[in-house]
Amino acid sequence: MQLRGVECIDCHMPMATKSAIKQAKYKADVKTHVFKINLDPNAKMFTDDGKYAKGYLTVEYACLVCHGEKDRNWALKTAKNVHSFGKK
């Protein structure tokens, strides 16, 4: 599926893995191979100490890397329907 130039991997494989350099608040330097996006408002992508990922992406990494002017609440609401955009 492609929506306005966006491909599945843009959201489901974002630049969320850091090998050396953090690019921005929610952008690292390597694409992750974690596909699942957790839409639970209480979900945290990393353990409290920040050392380990929990096996899913949160909307901050899946959505806000491109939509940085928006907030987490917007991302949670929008992500629930994103696969229906452009469909009749």
N, C-alpha and C. Protein backbone atom coordinates (compact mmCIF):
# COMPACT_ATOMS: atom_id res chain seq x y z
N MET A 1 0.84 -1.18 0.00
CA MET A 1 0.00 0.00 0.00
C MET A 1 0.89 1.25 0.00
N GLN A 2 0.47 2.24 -0.72
CA GLN A 2 1.19 3.50 -0.70
C GLN A 2 0.16 4.62 -0.59
N LEU A 3 0.38 5.54 0.31
CA LEU A 3 -0.52 6.64 0.56
C LEU A 3 0.26 7.94 0.48
N ARG A 4 -0.02 8.74 -0.53
CA ARG A 4 0.66 10.03 -0.71
C ARG A 4 2.17 9.92 -0.59
N GLY A 5 2.73 8.93 -1.26
CA GLY A 5 4.18 8.77 -1.25
C GLY A 5 4.73 8.08 -0.02
N VAL A 6 3.86 7.63 0.87
CA VAL A 6 4.29 6.94 2.09
C VAL A 6 4.15 5.44 1.85
N GLU A 7 5.17 4.71 2.18
CA GLU A 7 5.13 3.26 2.05
C GLU A 7 5.02 2.62 3.43
N CYS A 8 4.61 1.37 3.47
CA CYS A 8 4.42 0.65 4.74
C CYS A 8 5.64 0.78 5.65
N ILE A 9 6.82 0.62 5.06
CA ILE A 9 8.04 0.62 5.88
C ILE A 9 8.35 1.98 6.49
N ASP A 10 7.76 3.04 5.98
CA ASP A 10 7.99 4.36 6.57
C ASP A 10 7.48 4.43 8.01
N CYS A 11 6.36 3.77 8.27
CA CYS A 11 5.80 3.74 9.62
C CYS A 11 6.20 2.48 10.38
N HIS A 12 6.22 1.35 9.65
CA HIS A 12 6.45 0.06 10.30
C HIS A 12 7.92 -0.32 10.41
N MET A 13 8.80 0.43 9.78
CA MET A 13 10.25 0.22 9.91
C MET A 13 10.96 1.57 9.98
N PRO A 14 10.59 2.42 10.93
CA PRO A 14 11.19 3.75 10.98
C PRO A 14 12.65 3.71 11.44
N MET A 15 13.30 4.81 11.30
CA MET A 15 14.69 4.97 11.76
C MET A 15 14.65 5.10 13.29
N ALA A 16 14.50 3.97 13.97
CA ALA A 16 14.36 3.97 15.43
C ALA A 16 15.48 3.23 16.14
N THR A 17 16.42 2.67 15.39
CA THR A 17 17.52 1.93 15.99
C THR A 17 18.77 2.80 15.92
N LYS A 18 19.46 2.90 17.04
CA LYS A 18 20.64 3.76 17.09
C LYS A 18 21.90 2.90 17.13
N SER A 19 22.74 3.07 16.12
CA SER A 19 24.02 2.38 16.14
C SER A 19 25.11 3.31 16.66
N ALA A 20 24.96 4.57 16.39
CA ALA A 20 25.98 5.51 16.82
C ALA A 20 25.44 6.91 17.08
N ILE A 21 24.55 7.38 16.21
CA ILE A 21 24.17 8.78 16.27
C ILE A 21 22.66 8.94 16.32
N LYS A 22 22.19 9.69 17.29
CA LYS A 22 20.78 10.04 17.36
C LYS A 22 20.57 11.19 16.38
N GLN A 23 19.58 11.06 15.50
CA GLN A 23 19.32 12.08 14.49
C GLN A 23 18.40 13.19 14.99
N ALA A 24 17.38 12.82 15.75
CA ALA A 24 16.40 13.76 16.28
C ALA A 24 15.71 13.09 17.47
N LYS A 25 14.76 13.77 18.07
CA LYS A 25 14.12 13.23 19.27
C LYS A 25 13.58 11.82 19.06
N TYR A 26 12.90 11.58 17.94
CA TYR A 26 12.33 10.26 17.66
C TYR A 26 12.91 9.64 16.40
N LYS A 27 14.13 9.99 16.07
CA LYS A 27 14.76 9.44 14.88
C LYS A 27 16.20 9.05 15.18
N ALA A 28 16.52 7.81 14.87
CA ALA A 28 17.88 7.32 15.05
C ALA A 28 18.55 7.19 13.68
N ASP A 29 19.59 6.37 13.59
CA ASP A 29 20.33 6.31 12.33
C ASP A 29 20.19 5.00 11.56
N VAL A 30 19.39 4.07 12.06
CA VAL A 30 19.20 2.79 11.39
C VAL A 30 17.72 2.41 11.46
N LYS A 31 17.19 1.87 10.35
CA LYS A 31 15.81 1.41 10.35
C LYS A 31 15.66 0.21 11.28
N THR A 32 14.60 0.22 12.06
CA THR A 32 14.32 -0.92 12.92
C THR A 32 13.65 -2.02 12.12
N HIS A 33 13.71 -3.23 12.59
CA HIS A 33 13.00 -4.34 11.97
C HIS A 33 11.84 -4.78 12.85
N VAL A 34 11.39 -3.88 13.69
CA VAL A 34 10.21 -4.09 14.52
C VAL A 34 9.04 -3.52 13.73
N PHE A 35 8.04 -4.33 13.47
CA PHE A 35 6.93 -3.90 12.62
C PHE A 35 5.68 -3.49 13.39
N LYS A 36 5.46 -4.12 14.55
CA LYS A 36 4.24 -3.88 15.30
C LYS A 36 4.23 -2.48 15.91
N ILE A 37 3.11 -1.79 15.75
CA ILE A 37 2.93 -0.48 16.36
C ILE A 37 1.88 -0.63 17.46
N ASN A 38 2.27 -0.34 18.68
CA ASN A 38 1.39 -0.48 19.84
C ASN A 38 0.63 0.84 20.03
N LEU A 39 -0.69 0.79 19.95
CA LEU A 39 -1.51 1.99 20.08
C LEU A 39 -2.05 2.20 21.49
N ASP A 40 -1.56 1.44 22.44
CA ASP A 40 -1.95 1.63 23.84
C ASP A 40 -1.38 2.97 24.30
N PRO A 41 -2.21 3.87 24.81
CA PRO A 41 -1.72 5.18 25.25
C PRO A 41 -0.66 5.11 26.34
N ASN A 42 -0.58 4.00 27.06
CA ASN A 42 0.39 3.85 28.14
C ASN A 42 1.65 3.09 27.71
N ALA A 43 1.70 2.68 26.46
CA ALA A 43 2.84 1.89 25.98
C ALA A 43 4.12 2.71 25.98
N LYS A 44 5.19 2.05 26.35
CA LYS A 44 6.53 2.64 26.28
C LYS A 44 7.37 1.71 25.42
N MET A 45 8.08 2.27 24.47
CA MET A 45 8.86 1.45 23.54
C MET A 45 10.09 0.84 24.21
N PHE A 46 10.61 1.50 25.23
CA PHE A 46 11.83 1.04 25.88
C PHE A 46 11.59 0.77 27.36
N THR A 47 12.46 -0.05 27.93
CA THR A 47 12.41 -0.28 29.37
C THR A 47 12.69 1.03 30.08
N ASP A 48 12.34 1.10 31.34
CA ASP A 48 12.51 2.35 32.09
C ASP A 48 13.96 2.85 32.10
N ASP A 49 14.92 1.93 32.08
CA ASP A 49 16.32 2.36 32.05
C ASP A 49 16.81 2.71 30.64
N GLY A 50 15.95 2.51 29.63
CA GLY A 50 16.29 2.87 28.26
C GLY A 50 17.22 1.91 27.54
N LYS A 51 17.56 0.80 28.17
CA LYS A 51 18.54 -0.12 27.59
C LYS A 51 17.94 -1.08 26.56
N TYR A 52 16.66 -1.39 26.70
CA TYR A 52 16.07 -2.43 25.85
C TYR A 52 14.74 -1.98 25.25
N ALA A 53 14.51 -2.34 24.00
CA ALA A 53 13.22 -2.12 23.36
C ALA A 53 12.29 -3.25 23.77
N LYS A 54 11.00 -2.98 23.73
CA LYS A 54 10.02 -3.96 24.19
C LYS A 54 9.40 -4.80 23.07
N GLY A 55 9.85 -4.68 21.85
CA GLY A 55 9.35 -5.52 20.77
C GLY A 55 8.22 -4.90 19.97
N TYR A 56 7.98 -3.63 20.16
CA TYR A 56 6.98 -2.92 19.38
C TYR A 56 7.40 -1.46 19.29
N LEU A 57 6.80 -0.77 18.32
CA LEU A 57 7.00 0.67 18.16
C LEU A 57 5.87 1.40 18.87
N THR A 58 6.14 2.58 19.31
CA THR A 58 5.08 3.46 19.81
C THR A 58 4.87 4.55 18.76
N VAL A 59 3.77 5.27 18.88
CA VAL A 59 3.44 6.27 17.87
C VAL A 59 4.48 7.39 17.76
N GLU A 60 5.24 7.60 18.81
CA GLU A 60 6.27 8.63 18.73
C GLU A 60 7.26 8.29 17.62
N TYR A 61 7.65 7.04 17.52
CA TYR A 61 8.63 6.61 16.52
C TYR A 61 7.98 6.30 15.18
N ALA A 62 6.74 5.83 15.19
CA ALA A 62 6.06 5.48 13.94
C ALA A 62 5.46 6.71 13.26
N CYS A 63 5.02 7.69 14.03
CA CYS A 63 4.29 8.83 13.46
C CYS A 63 5.01 10.18 13.60
N LEU A 64 5.50 10.45 14.80
CA LEU A 64 6.00 11.81 15.07
C LEU A 64 7.35 12.10 14.46
N VAL A 65 8.03 11.09 13.96
CA VAL A 65 9.29 11.35 13.28
C VAL A 65 9.04 12.21 12.03
N CYS A 66 7.91 12.00 11.37
CA CYS A 66 7.55 12.81 10.20
C CYS A 66 6.58 13.93 10.55
N HIS A 67 5.77 13.71 11.56
CA HIS A 67 4.74 14.68 11.96
C HIS A 67 5.13 15.32 13.28
N GLY A 68 6.32 15.85 13.35
CA GLY A 68 6.87 16.43 14.57
C GLY A 68 6.10 17.62 15.10
N GLU A 69 5.31 18.26 14.24
CA GLU A 69 4.52 19.41 14.69
C GLU A 69 3.26 18.97 15.44
N LYS A 70 2.95 17.67 15.36
CA LYS A 70 1.78 17.11 16.04
C LYS A 70 2.21 16.56 17.40
N ASP A 71 1.25 16.03 18.15
CA ASP A 71 1.58 15.46 19.46
C ASP A 71 1.15 13.99 19.53
N ARG A 72 1.46 13.38 20.63
CA ARG A 72 1.18 11.95 20.83
C ARG A 72 -0.32 11.65 20.73
N ASN A 73 -1.17 12.51 21.29
CA ASN A 73 -2.62 12.30 21.23
C ASN A 73 -3.12 12.30 19.80
N TRP A 74 -2.63 13.23 18.99
CA TRP A 74 -2.99 13.26 17.56
C TRP A 74 -2.55 11.96 16.90
N ALA A 75 -1.35 11.52 17.17
CA ALA A 75 -0.82 10.31 16.55
C ALA A 75 -1.64 9.08 16.95
N LEU A 76 -2.00 8.96 18.21
CA LEU A 76 -2.81 7.83 18.66
C LEU A 76 -4.16 7.80 17.96
N LYS A 77 -4.79 8.95 17.85
CA LYS A 77 -6.11 9.04 17.21
C LYS A 77 -6.00 8.75 15.71
N THR A 78 -5.04 9.34 15.05
CA THR A 78 -4.88 9.20 13.61
C THR A 78 -4.44 7.80 13.21
N ALA A 79 -3.55 7.21 13.98
CA ALA A 79 -3.01 5.89 13.63
C ALA A 79 -4.08 4.81 13.63
N LYS A 80 -5.10 4.97 14.44
CA LYS A 80 -6.16 3.95 14.49
C LYS A 80 -6.87 3.79 13.16
N ASN A 81 -6.90 4.82 12.34
CA ASN A 81 -7.62 4.78 11.07
C ASN A 81 -6.72 4.93 9.85
N VAL A 82 -5.44 4.95 10.03
CA VAL A 82 -4.54 5.28 8.93
C VAL A 82 -4.63 4.29 7.76
N HIS A 83 -4.91 3.03 8.02
CA HIS A 83 -4.98 2.07 6.92
C HIS A 83 -6.25 2.23 6.09
N SER A 84 -7.20 3.01 6.55
CA SER A 84 -8.43 3.24 5.78
C SER A 84 -8.38 4.54 4.98
N PHE A 85 -7.36 5.35 5.14
CA PHE A 85 -7.25 6.60 4.39
C PHE A 85 -7.21 6.31 2.89
N GLY A 86 -7.98 7.05 2.14
CA GLY A 86 -7.98 6.93 0.69
C GLY A 86 -8.82 5.77 0.16
N LYS A 87 -9.43 5.00 1.03
CA LYS A 87 -10.30 3.91 0.60
C LYS A 87 -11.75 4.36 0.63
N LYS A 88 -12.55 3.81 -0.26
CA LYS A 88 -13.97 4.18 -0.32
C LYS A 88 -14.78 3.37 0.64
